């Protein structure tokens, strides 16, 4: 059984399919393993159906969060400290960064996203700008409108993913934000000055977006580090994404006042 678990584990890793491997490291049946796929399918066992069921639930949640850790349970899955210790090793899918707007800043942000391990998608409805030649670092370059792309991929976006709207055109940024808000995406940011964002807010409210929903939108986008160039701006954006993901307090431009430059 252990051999078949490792073979399945290897095949899923090679295919970049999210998978978790739970190993019992303290308690009865030390070394027992349970492989858990994102779909909920399992292979192997930890010595108890009840324990398998609880570990399966926790492993799926950890895959969503992209974390690995040791968990402690009772022999039947109870939340107890010292009976059974299980290391749940998660190999989550790469986080997804979706950038709307094929502009100069996009090249730098796409490069930073790749550096941090994101799968990067660049989307713009203007075919002349959204080209593989301009954005060779992106995993995919999509010629389409933001709302149409988000209808296709929105259900797949989760807490580790990011949507960055870099256009200054209401035809693009309003549909992008409206389309991203119903998703579970962890970070939603939009480029523009405070004045630009005030105008954008009015348009979004006209589209039915609530004040509570608007609080999810980080605009002006990025941390307040004084960035001016596309490269510096990209650093401020990914820094804000990291800060949100890790729960750290950092000075965001969206929370400040006055000029952003």
C-alpha atoms as a PDB file:
ATOM      1  CA  UNK A   1       0.000   0.000   0.000  1.00  0.00           C
ATOM      2  CA  UNK A   2       2.794   2.441   0.910  1.00  0.00           C
ATOM      3  CA  UNK A   3       4.375   1.908  -2.512  1.00  0.00           C
ATOM      4  CA  UNK A   4       1.110   2.683  -4.310  1.00  0.00           C
ATOM      5  CA  UNK A   5       0.660   5.816  -2.153  1.00  0.00           C
ATOM      6  CA  UNK A   6       4.110   7.088  -3.090  1.00  0.00           C
ATOM      7  CA  UNK A   7       3.529   6.290  -6.763  1.00  0.00           C
ATOM      8  CA  UNK A   8       0.247   8.206  -6.763  1.00  0.00           C
ATOM      9  CA  UNK A   9       1.884  11.055  -4.829  1.00  0.00           C
ATOM     10  CA  UNK A  10       4.702  11.234  -7.385  1.00  0.00           C
ATOM     11  CA  UNK A  11       2.319  11.213 -10.349  1.00  0.00           C
ATOM     12  CA  UNK A  12       0.192  14.022  -8.892  1.00  0.00           C
ATOM     13  CA  UNK A  13       3.254  16.152  -8.120  1.00  0.00           C
ATOM     14  CA  UNK A  14       4.541  15.712 -11.664  1.00  0.00           C
ATOM     15  CA  UNK A  15       1.143  16.770 -13.007  1.00  0.00           C
ATOM     16  CA  UNK A  16       1.061  19.779 -10.633  1.00  0.00           C
ATOM     17  CA  UNK A  17      -2.207  18.537  -9.135  1.00  0.00           C
ATOM     18  CA  UNK A  18      -2.791  19.724  -5.532  1.00  0.00           C
ATOM     19  CA  UNK A  19      -2.245  16.897  -3.053  1.00  0.00           C
ATOM     20  CA  UNK A  20      -1.576  16.377   0.654  1.00  0.00           C
ATOM     21  CA  UNK A  21       0.245  13.487   2.304  1.00  0.00           C
ATOM     22  CA  UNK A  22      -0.584  12.850   5.964  1.00  0.00           C
ATOM     23  CA  UNK A  23       1.919  10.759   7.939  1.00  0.00           C
ATOM     24  CA  UNK A  24       1.349   9.496  11.476  1.00  0.00           C
ATOM     25  CA  UNK A  25       4.524  10.438  13.378  1.00  0.00           C
ATOM     26  CA  UNK A  26       3.482   9.780  16.987  1.00  0.00           C
ATOM     27  CA  UNK A  27       1.029   7.243  18.361  1.00  0.00           C
ATOM     28  CA  UNK A  28      -0.078   3.782  17.237  1.00  0.00           C
ATOM     29  CA  UNK A  29       0.670   2.822  13.625  1.00  0.00           C
ATOM     30  CA  UNK A  30       3.622   5.223  13.306  1.00  0.00           C
ATOM     31  CA  UNK A  31       4.420   5.642   9.614  1.00  0.00           C
ATOM     32  CA  UNK A  32       0.842   5.088   8.435  1.00  0.00           C
ATOM     33  CA  UNK A  33      -0.056   7.386   5.554  1.00  0.00           C
ATOM     34  CA  UNK A  34      -3.150   8.921   4.030  1.00  0.00           C
ATOM     35  CA  UNK A  35      -2.949  10.647   0.665  1.00  0.00           C
ATOM     36  CA  UNK A  36      -5.621  13.314   0.147  1.00  0.00           C
ATOM     37  CA  UNK A  37      -6.403  14.899  -3.206  1.00  0.00           C
ATOM     38  CA  UNK A  38      -8.051  18.302  -3.617  1.00  0.00           C
ATOM     39  CA  UNK A  39     -11.167  16.551  -4.896  1.00  0.00           C
ATOM     40  CA  UNK A  40     -11.450  14.689  -1.594  1.00  0.00           C
ATOM     41  CA  UNK A  41     -10.295  11.327  -2.948  1.00  0.00           C
ATOM     42  CA  UNK A  42      -8.020   9.417  -0.570  1.00  0.00           C
ATOM     43  CA  UNK A  43      -5.578   6.528  -0.647  1.00  0.00           C
ATOM     44  CA  UNK A  44      -4.216   4.685   2.379  1.00  0.00           C
ATOM     45  CA  UNK A  45      -5.251   5.070   5.998  1.00  0.00           C
ATOM     46  CA  UNK A  46      -4.133   6.116   9.472  1.00  0.00           C
ATOM     47  CA  UNK A  47      -5.651   3.225  11.411  1.00  0.00           C
ATOM     48  CA  UNK A  48      -9.144   4.597  12.038  1.00  0.00           C
ATOM     49  CA  UNK A  49     -11.950   5.603   9.700  1.00  0.00           C
ATOM     50  CA  UNK A  50     -12.920   8.442  12.028  1.00  0.00           C
ATOM     51  CA  UNK A  51      -9.336   9.741  12.116  1.00  0.00           C
ATOM     52  CA  UNK A  52      -9.068   9.433   8.336  1.00  0.00           C
ATOM     53  CA  UNK A  53     -12.248  11.467   7.921  1.00  0.00           C
ATOM     54  CA  UNK A  54     -11.062  14.316  10.178  1.00  0.00           C
ATOM     55  CA  UNK A  55      -7.562  14.419   8.664  1.00  0.00           C
ATOM     56  CA  UNK A  56      -9.071  14.424   5.165  1.00  0.00           C
ATOM     57  CA  UNK A  57     -11.181  17.461   6.107  1.00  0.00           C
ATOM     58  CA  UNK A  58      -8.192  19.290   7.592  1.00  0.00           C
ATOM     59  CA  UNK A  59      -5.915  18.430   4.664  1.00  0.00           C
ATOM     60  CA  UNK A  60      -8.374  19.863   2.134  1.00  0.00           C
ATOM     61  CA  UNK A  61      -8.593  23.094   4.146  1.00  0.00           C
ATOM     62  CA  UNK A  62      -4.796  23.266   4.371  1.00  0.00           C
ATOM     63  CA  UNK A  63      -4.475  22.773   0.621  1.00  0.00           C
ATOM     64  CA  UNK A  64      -6.734  25.789   0.171  1.00  0.00           C
ATOM     65  CA  UNK A  65      -4.539  27.819   2.530  1.00  0.00           C
ATOM     66  CA  UNK A  66      -1.261  26.469   1.139  1.00  0.00           C
ATOM     67  CA  UNK A  67       0.120  25.399   4.533  1.00  0.00           C
ATOM     68  CA  UNK A  68       1.815  22.295   5.980  1.00  0.00           C
ATOM     69  CA  UNK A  69       2.013  21.499   9.688  1.00  0.00           C
ATOM     70  CA  UNK A  70       1.835  18.903  12.447  1.00  0.00           C
ATOM     71  CA  UNK A  71      -1.678  18.369  13.821  1.00  0.00           C
ATOM     72  CA  UNK A  72      -2.638  16.574  17.042  1.00  0.00           C
ATOM     73  CA  UNK A  73      -5.695  14.352  17.404  1.00  0.00           C
ATOM     74  CA  UNK A  74      -7.288  11.724  19.569  1.00  0.00           C
ATOM     75  CA  UNK A  75      -7.230   8.171  18.163  1.00  0.00           C
ATOM     76  CA  UNK A  76     -10.624   8.758  16.516  1.00  0.00           C
ATOM     77  CA  UNK A  77      -9.957  12.294  15.306  1.00  0.00           C
ATOM     78  CA  UNK A  78     -10.793  14.222  18.467  1.00  0.00           C
ATOM     79  CA  UNK A  79      -9.025  17.552  18.918  1.00  0.00           C
ATOM     80  CA  UNK A  80      -6.693  16.348  21.668  1.00  0.00           C
ATOM     81  CA  UNK A  81      -3.049  17.245  22.148  1.00  0.00           C
ATOM     82  CA  UNK A  82      -0.973  14.144  22.770  1.00  0.00           C
ATOM     83  CA  UNK A  83      -2.627  10.937  21.548  1.00  0.00           C
ATOM     84  CA  UNK A  84      -1.758  11.081  17.853  1.00  0.00           C
ATOM     85  CA  UNK A  85       0.537  13.463  15.958  1.00  0.00           C
ATOM     86  CA  UNK A  86       0.221  13.689  12.192  1.00  0.00           C
ATOM     87  CA  UNK A  87       2.346  15.680   9.775  1.00  0.00           C
ATOM     88  CA  UNK A  88       0.193  16.950   6.912  1.00  0.00           C
ATOM     89  CA  UNK A  89       2.447  17.859   3.994  1.00  0.00           C
ATOM     90  CA  UNK A  90       0.554  19.968   1.463  1.00  0.00           C
ATOM     91  CA  UNK A  91       1.534  20.632  -2.114  1.00  0.00           C
ATOM     92  CA  UNK A  92      -0.990  23.270  -3.156  1.00  0.00           C
ATOM     93  CA  UNK A  93      -1.427  24.634  -6.637  1.00  0.00           C
ATOM     94  CA  UNK A  94       0.576  27.729  -7.467  1.00  0.00           C
ATOM     95  CA  UNK A  95      -1.198  30.941  -6.464  1.00  0.00           C
ATOM     96  CA  UNK A  96      -2.695  32.768  -9.434  1.00  0.00           C
ATOM     97  CA  UNK A  97      -2.052  36.435 -10.218  1.00  0.00           C
ATOM     98  CA  UNK A  98      -4.439  37.917 -12.778  1.00  0.00           C
ATOM     99  CA  UNK A  99      -3.341  41.291 -14.162  1.00  0.00           C
ATOM    100  CA  UNK A 100      -5.844  43.353 -16.127  1.00  0.00           C
ATOM    101  CA  UNK A 101      -4.326  45.896 -18.478  1.00  0.00           C
ATOM    102  CA  UNK A 102      -1.443  45.374 -20.914  1.00  0.00           C
ATOM    103  CA  UNK A 103       0.417  48.509 -19.818  1.00  0.00           C
ATOM    104  CA  UNK A 104       4.050  49.327 -19.035  1.00  0.00           C
ATOM    105  CA  UNK A 105       3.613  48.558 -15.322  1.00  0.00           C
ATOM    106  CA  UNK A 106       2.321  45.095 -16.197  1.00  0.00           C
ATOM    107  CA  UNK A 107       5.709  43.829 -17.379  1.00  0.00           C
ATOM    108  CA  UNK A 108       7.311  44.617 -14.030  1.00  0.00           C
ATOM    109  CA  UNK A 109       4.428  43.226 -11.975  1.00  0.00           C
ATOM    110  CA  UNK A 110       4.270  40.035 -14.038  1.00  0.00           C
ATOM    111  CA  UNK A 111       8.013  39.528 -13.512  1.00  0.00           C
ATOM    112  CA  UNK A 112       7.684  40.067  -9.758  1.00  0.00           C
ATOM    113  CA  UNK A 113       4.730  37.705  -9.630  1.00  0.00           C
ATOM    114  CA  UNK A 114       6.695  34.958 -11.366  1.00  0.00           C
ATOM    115  CA  UNK A 115       9.613  35.529  -8.990  1.00  0.00           C
ATOM    116  CA  UNK A 116       7.266  34.865  -6.058  1.00  0.00           C
ATOM    117  CA  UNK A 117       5.884  31.676  -7.584  1.00  0.00           C
ATOM    118  CA  UNK A 118       2.588  32.948  -8.998  1.00  0.00           C
ATOM    119  CA  UNK A 119       1.007  31.617 -12.145  1.00  0.00           C
ATOM    120  CA  UNK A 120       0.583  34.893 -14.015  1.00  0.00           C
ATOM    121  CA  UNK A 121      -2.209  35.750 -16.439  1.00  0.00           C
ATOM    122  CA  UNK A 122      -2.214  39.050 -18.340  1.00  0.00           C
ATOM    123  CA  UNK A 123      -5.570  40.076 -19.806  1.00  0.00           C
ATOM    124  CA  UNK A 124      -6.504  42.969 -22.078  1.00  0.00           C
ATOM    125  CA  UNK A 125      -9.204  43.296 -24.722  1.00  0.00           C
ATOM    126  CA  UNK A 126      -6.831  45.169 -27.033  1.00  0.00           C
ATOM    127  CA  UNK A 127      -5.192  42.577 -29.239  1.00  0.00           C
ATOM    128  CA  UNK A 128      -2.407  44.897 -30.352  1.00  0.00           C
ATOM    129  CA  UNK A 129      -1.193  45.313 -26.741  1.00  0.00           C
ATOM    130  CA  UNK A 130      -1.891  41.890 -25.229  1.00  0.00           C
ATOM    131  CA  UNK A 131       0.813  39.894 -26.981  1.00  0.00           C
ATOM    132  CA  UNK A 132       3.194  37.140 -25.959  1.00  0.00           C
ATOM    133  CA  UNK A 133       6.050  39.221 -27.341  1.00  0.00           C
ATOM    134  CA  UNK A 134       5.366  42.042 -24.859  1.00  0.00           C
ATOM    135  CA  UNK A 135       4.820  39.717 -21.902  1.00  0.00           C
ATOM    136  CA  UNK A 136       7.016  36.638 -22.380  1.00  0.00           C
ATOM    137  CA  UNK A 137       7.250  36.137 -18.605  1.00  0.00           C
ATOM    138  CA  UNK A 138       3.497  35.553 -18.226  1.00  0.00           C
ATOM    139  CA  UNK A 139       2.131  32.018 -18.167  1.00  0.00           C
ATOM    140  CA  UNK A 140      -0.727  33.133 -20.380  1.00  0.00           C
ATOM    141  CA  UNK A 141      -1.743  36.269 -22.247  1.00  0.00           C
ATOM    142  CA  UNK A 142      -5.485  36.527 -22.822  1.00  0.00           C
ATOM    143  CA  UNK A 143      -7.194  38.828 -25.300  1.00  0.00           C
ATOM    144  CA  UNK A 144     -10.623  39.328 -23.770  1.00  0.00           C
ATOM    145  CA  UNK A 145     -12.746  41.598 -21.601  1.00  0.00           C
ATOM    146  CA  UNK A 146     -12.251  41.302 -17.829  1.00  0.00           C
ATOM    147  CA  UNK A 147     -15.810  40.246 -17.009  1.00  0.00           C
ATOM    148  CA  UNK A 148     -15.699  37.433 -19.557  1.00  0.00           C
ATOM    149  CA  UNK A 149     -12.412  36.053 -18.251  1.00  0.00           C
ATOM    150  CA  UNK A 150     -13.617  36.233 -14.645  1.00  0.00           C
ATOM    151  CA  UNK A 151     -16.792  34.340 -15.528  1.00  0.00           C
ATOM    152  CA  UNK A 152     -14.536  31.516 -16.725  1.00  0.00           C
ATOM    153  CA  UNK A 153     -11.981  31.464 -13.914  1.00  0.00           C
ATOM    154  CA  UNK A 154     -13.686  33.230 -10.999  1.00  0.00           C
ATOM    155  CA  UNK A 155     -14.811  30.058  -9.250  1.00  0.00           C
ATOM    156  CA  UNK A 156     -11.190  28.854  -9.161  1.00  0.00           C
ATOM    157  CA  UNK A 157      -9.820  31.966  -7.422  1.00  0.00           C
ATOM    158  CA  UNK A 158      -9.076  31.592  -3.725  1.00  0.00           C
ATOM    159  CA  UNK A 159      -7.450  33.280  -0.725  1.00  0.00           C
ATOM    160  CA  UNK A 160      -3.900  32.847  -2.060  1.00  0.00           C
ATOM    161  CA  UNK A 161      -4.696  34.457  -5.420  1.00  0.00           C
ATOM    162  CA  UNK A 162      -4.527  38.082  -6.543  1.00  0.00           C
ATOM    163  CA  UNK A 163      -6.353  40.276  -9.043  1.00  0.00           C
ATOM    164  CA  UNK A 164      -4.510  43.468 -10.007  1.00  0.00           C
ATOM    165  CA  UNK A 165      -6.261  46.068 -12.157  1.00  0.00           C
ATOM    166  CA  UNK A 166      -3.683  48.324 -13.792  1.00  0.00           C
ATOM    167  CA  UNK A 167      -5.835  50.180 -16.311  1.00  0.00           C
ATOM    168  CA  UNK A 168      -6.999  53.761 -15.965  1.00  0.00           C
ATOM    169  CA  UNK A 169     -10.033  53.182 -18.157  1.00  0.00           C
ATOM    170  CA  UNK A 170     -13.506  52.667 -16.687  1.00  0.00           C
ATOM    171  CA  UNK A 171     -14.363  50.356 -19.597  1.00  0.00           C
ATOM    172  CA  UNK A 172     -11.820  47.897 -18.197  1.00  0.00           C
ATOM    173  CA  UNK A 173     -11.362  48.531 -14.487  1.00  0.00           C
ATOM    174  CA  UNK A 174     -15.038  48.720 -13.480  1.00  0.00           C
ATOM    175  CA  UNK A 175     -15.970  45.348 -15.092  1.00  0.00           C
ATOM    176  CA  UNK A 176     -12.783  43.818 -13.678  1.00  0.00           C
ATOM    177  CA  UNK A 177     -13.582  44.892 -10.117  1.00  0.00           C
ATOM    178  CA  UNK A 178     -17.278  44.010 -10.404  1.00  0.00           C
ATOM    179  CA  UNK A 179     -16.318  40.581 -11.742  1.00  0.00           C
ATOM    180  CA  UNK A 180     -13.699  39.931  -9.056  1.00  0.00           C
ATOM    181  CA  UNK A 181     -15.748  40.963  -6.014  1.00  0.00           C
ATOM    182  CA  UNK A 182     -18.019  37.863  -5.932  1.00  0.00           C
ATOM    183  CA  UNK A 183     -14.980  35.545  -5.986  1.00  0.00           C
ATOM    184  CA  UNK A 184     -12.924  34.291  -3.047  1.00  0.00           C
ATOM    185  CA  UNK A 185      -9.779  36.031  -4.314  1.00  0.00           C
ATOM    186  CA  UNK A 186      -7.552  37.073  -1.429  1.00  0.00           C
ATOM    187  CA  UNK A 187      -6.229  40.313  -2.916  1.00  0.00           C
ATOM    188  CA  UNK A 188      -7.980  42.809  -5.163  1.00  0.00           C
ATOM    189  CA  UNK A 189      -6.116  45.997  -6.026  1.00  0.00           C
ATOM    190  CA  UNK A 190      -6.607  48.763  -8.590  1.00  0.00           C
ATOM    191  CA  UNK A 191      -4.109  51.309  -9.856  1.00  0.00           C
ATOM    192  CA  UNK A 192      -4.874  55.016  -9.917  1.00  0.00           C
ATOM    193  CA  UNK A 193      -4.639  58.196  -7.892  1.00  0.00           C
ATOM    194  CA  UNK A 194      -6.993  58.908  -5.008  1.00  0.00           C
ATOM    195  CA  UNK A 195      -8.981  61.215  -7.291  1.00  0.00           C
ATOM    196  CA  UNK A 196      -9.214  58.497  -9.939  1.00  0.00           C
ATOM    197  CA  UNK A 197     -10.420  55.997  -7.368  1.00  0.00           C
ATOM    198  CA  UNK A 198     -13.078  58.395  -6.049  1.00  0.00           C
ATOM    199  CA  UNK A 199     -14.516  58.602  -9.563  1.00  0.00           C
ATOM    200  CA  UNK A 200     -14.224  54.831  -9.878  1.00  0.00           C
ATOM    201  CA  UNK A 201     -16.131  54.337  -6.622  1.00  0.00           C
ATOM    202  CA  UNK A 202     -19.057  56.367  -7.982  1.00  0.00           C
ATOM    203  CA  UNK A 203     -19.186  54.177 -11.093  1.00  0.00           C
ATOM    204  CA  UNK A 204     -18.960  50.999  -9.026  1.00  0.00           C
ATOM    205  CA  UNK A 205     -21.816  52.115  -6.774  1.00  0.00           C
ATOM    206  CA  UNK A 206     -23.864  52.802  -9.903  1.00  0.00           C
ATOM    207  CA  UNK A 207     -23.164  49.178 -10.871  1.00  0.00           C
ATOM    208  CA  UNK A 208     -24.633  47.997  -7.580  1.00  0.00           C
ATOM    209  CA  UNK A 209     -21.434  47.500  -5.586  1.00  0.00           C
ATOM    210  CA  UNK A 210     -21.966  48.085  -1.860  1.00  0.00           C
ATOM    211  CA  UNK A 211     -19.756  50.141   0.458  1.00  0.00           C
ATOM    212  CA  UNK A 212     -18.893  46.955   2.320  1.00  0.00           C
ATOM    213  CA  UNK A 213     -17.722  45.309  -0.899  1.00  0.00           C
ATOM    214  CA  UNK A 214     -15.653  48.371  -1.809  1.00  0.00           C
ATOM    215  CA  UNK A 215     -13.601  47.855   1.343  1.00  0.00           C
ATOM    216  CA  UNK A 216     -12.047  44.819  -0.348  1.00  0.00           C
ATOM    217  CA  UNK A 217     -10.538  46.972  -3.099  1.00  0.00           C
ATOM    218  CA  UNK A 218      -7.017  48.227  -2.415  1.00  0.00           C
ATOM    219  CA  UNK A 219      -6.666  51.511  -4.281  1.00  0.00           C
ATOM    220  CA  UNK A 220      -4.332  53.248  -4.749  1.00  0.00           C
ATOM    221  CA  UNK A 221      -2.666  49.876  -5.116  1.00  0.00           C
ATOM    222  CA  UNK A 222       0.450  48.866  -3.192  1.00  0.00           C
ATOM    223  CA  UNK A 223       2.316  49.794  -0.024  1.00  0.00           C
ATOM    224  CA  UNK A 224       3.357  53.373   0.651  1.00  0.00           C
ATOM    225  CA  UNK A 225       7.095  53.001  -0.009  1.00  0.00           C
ATOM    226  CA  UNK A 226       7.480  56.011  -2.299  1.00  0.00           C
ATOM    227  CA  UNK A 227       7.710  53.976  -5.496  1.00  0.00           C
ATOM    228  CA  UNK A 228       7.653  55.873  -8.787  1.00  0.00           C
ATOM    229  CA  UNK A 229       8.997  53.633 -11.535  1.00  0.00           C
ATOM    230  CA  UNK A 230       7.145  50.558 -12.860  1.00  0.00           C
ATOM    231  CA  UNK A 231       9.683  48.355 -11.090  1.00  0.00           C
ATOM    232  CA  UNK A 232       9.285  50.142  -7.752  1.00  0.00           C
ATOM    233  CA  UNK A 233       5.510  50.109  -8.096  1.00  0.00           C
ATOM    234  CA  UNK A 234       5.569  46.367  -8.763  1.00  0.00           C
ATOM    235  CA  UNK A 235       7.591  45.826  -5.578  1.00  0.00           C
ATOM    236  CA  UNK A 236       5.044  47.845  -3.577  1.00  0.00           C
ATOM    237  CA  UNK A 237       2.166  45.792  -5.010  1.00  0.00           C
ATOM    238  CA  UNK A 238       3.658  42.366  -4.290  1.00  0.00           C
ATOM    239  CA  UNK A 239       4.700  43.595  -0.838  1.00  0.00           C
ATOM    240  CA  UNK A 240       1.074  44.485  -0.118  1.00  0.00           C
ATOM    241  CA  UNK A 241      -0.041  41.073  -1.369  1.00  0.00           C
ATOM    242  CA  UNK A 242       2.456  39.371   0.954  1.00  0.00           C
ATOM    243  CA  UNK A 243       1.410  41.553   3.899  1.00  0.00           C
ATOM    244  CA  UNK A 244      -2.265  40.681   3.372  1.00  0.00           C
ATOM    245  CA  UNK A 245      -1.497  36.976   3.031  1.00  0.00           C
ATOM    246  CA  UNK A 246       0.582  36.878   6.215  1.00  0.00           C
ATOM    247  CA  UNK A 247      -1.696  39.164   8.211  1.00  0.00           C
ATOM    248  CA  UNK A 248       0.969  41.802   8.812  1.00  0.00           C
ATOM    249  CA  UNK A 249       0.210  45.486   9.267  1.00  0.00           C
ATOM    250  CA  UNK A 250       1.957  47.645   6.685  1.00  0.00           C
ATOM    251  CA  UNK A 251       1.369  51.217   5.418  1.00  0.00           C
ATOM    252  CA  UNK A 252      -0.899  50.810   2.381  1.00  0.00           C
ATOM    253  CA  UNK A 253      -1.461  53.645  -0.067  1.00  0.00           C
ATOM    254  CA  UNK A 254      -5.193  52.935   0.099  1.00  0.00           C
ATOM    255  CA  UNK A 255      -5.202  53.909   3.776  1.00  0.00           C
ATOM    256  CA  UNK A 256      -3.264  57.171   3.407  1.00  0.00           C
ATOM    257  CA  UNK A 257      -4.053  60.692   2.294  1.00  0.00           C
ATOM    258  CA  UNK A 258      -2.617  63.175  -0.156  1.00  0.00           C
ATOM    259  CA  UNK A 259      -0.533  62.523  -3.259  1.00  0.00           C
ATOM    260  CA  UNK A 260       0.730  58.988  -3.841  1.00  0.00           C
ATOM    261  CA  UNK A 261       3.989  60.262  -5.401  1.00  0.00           C
END
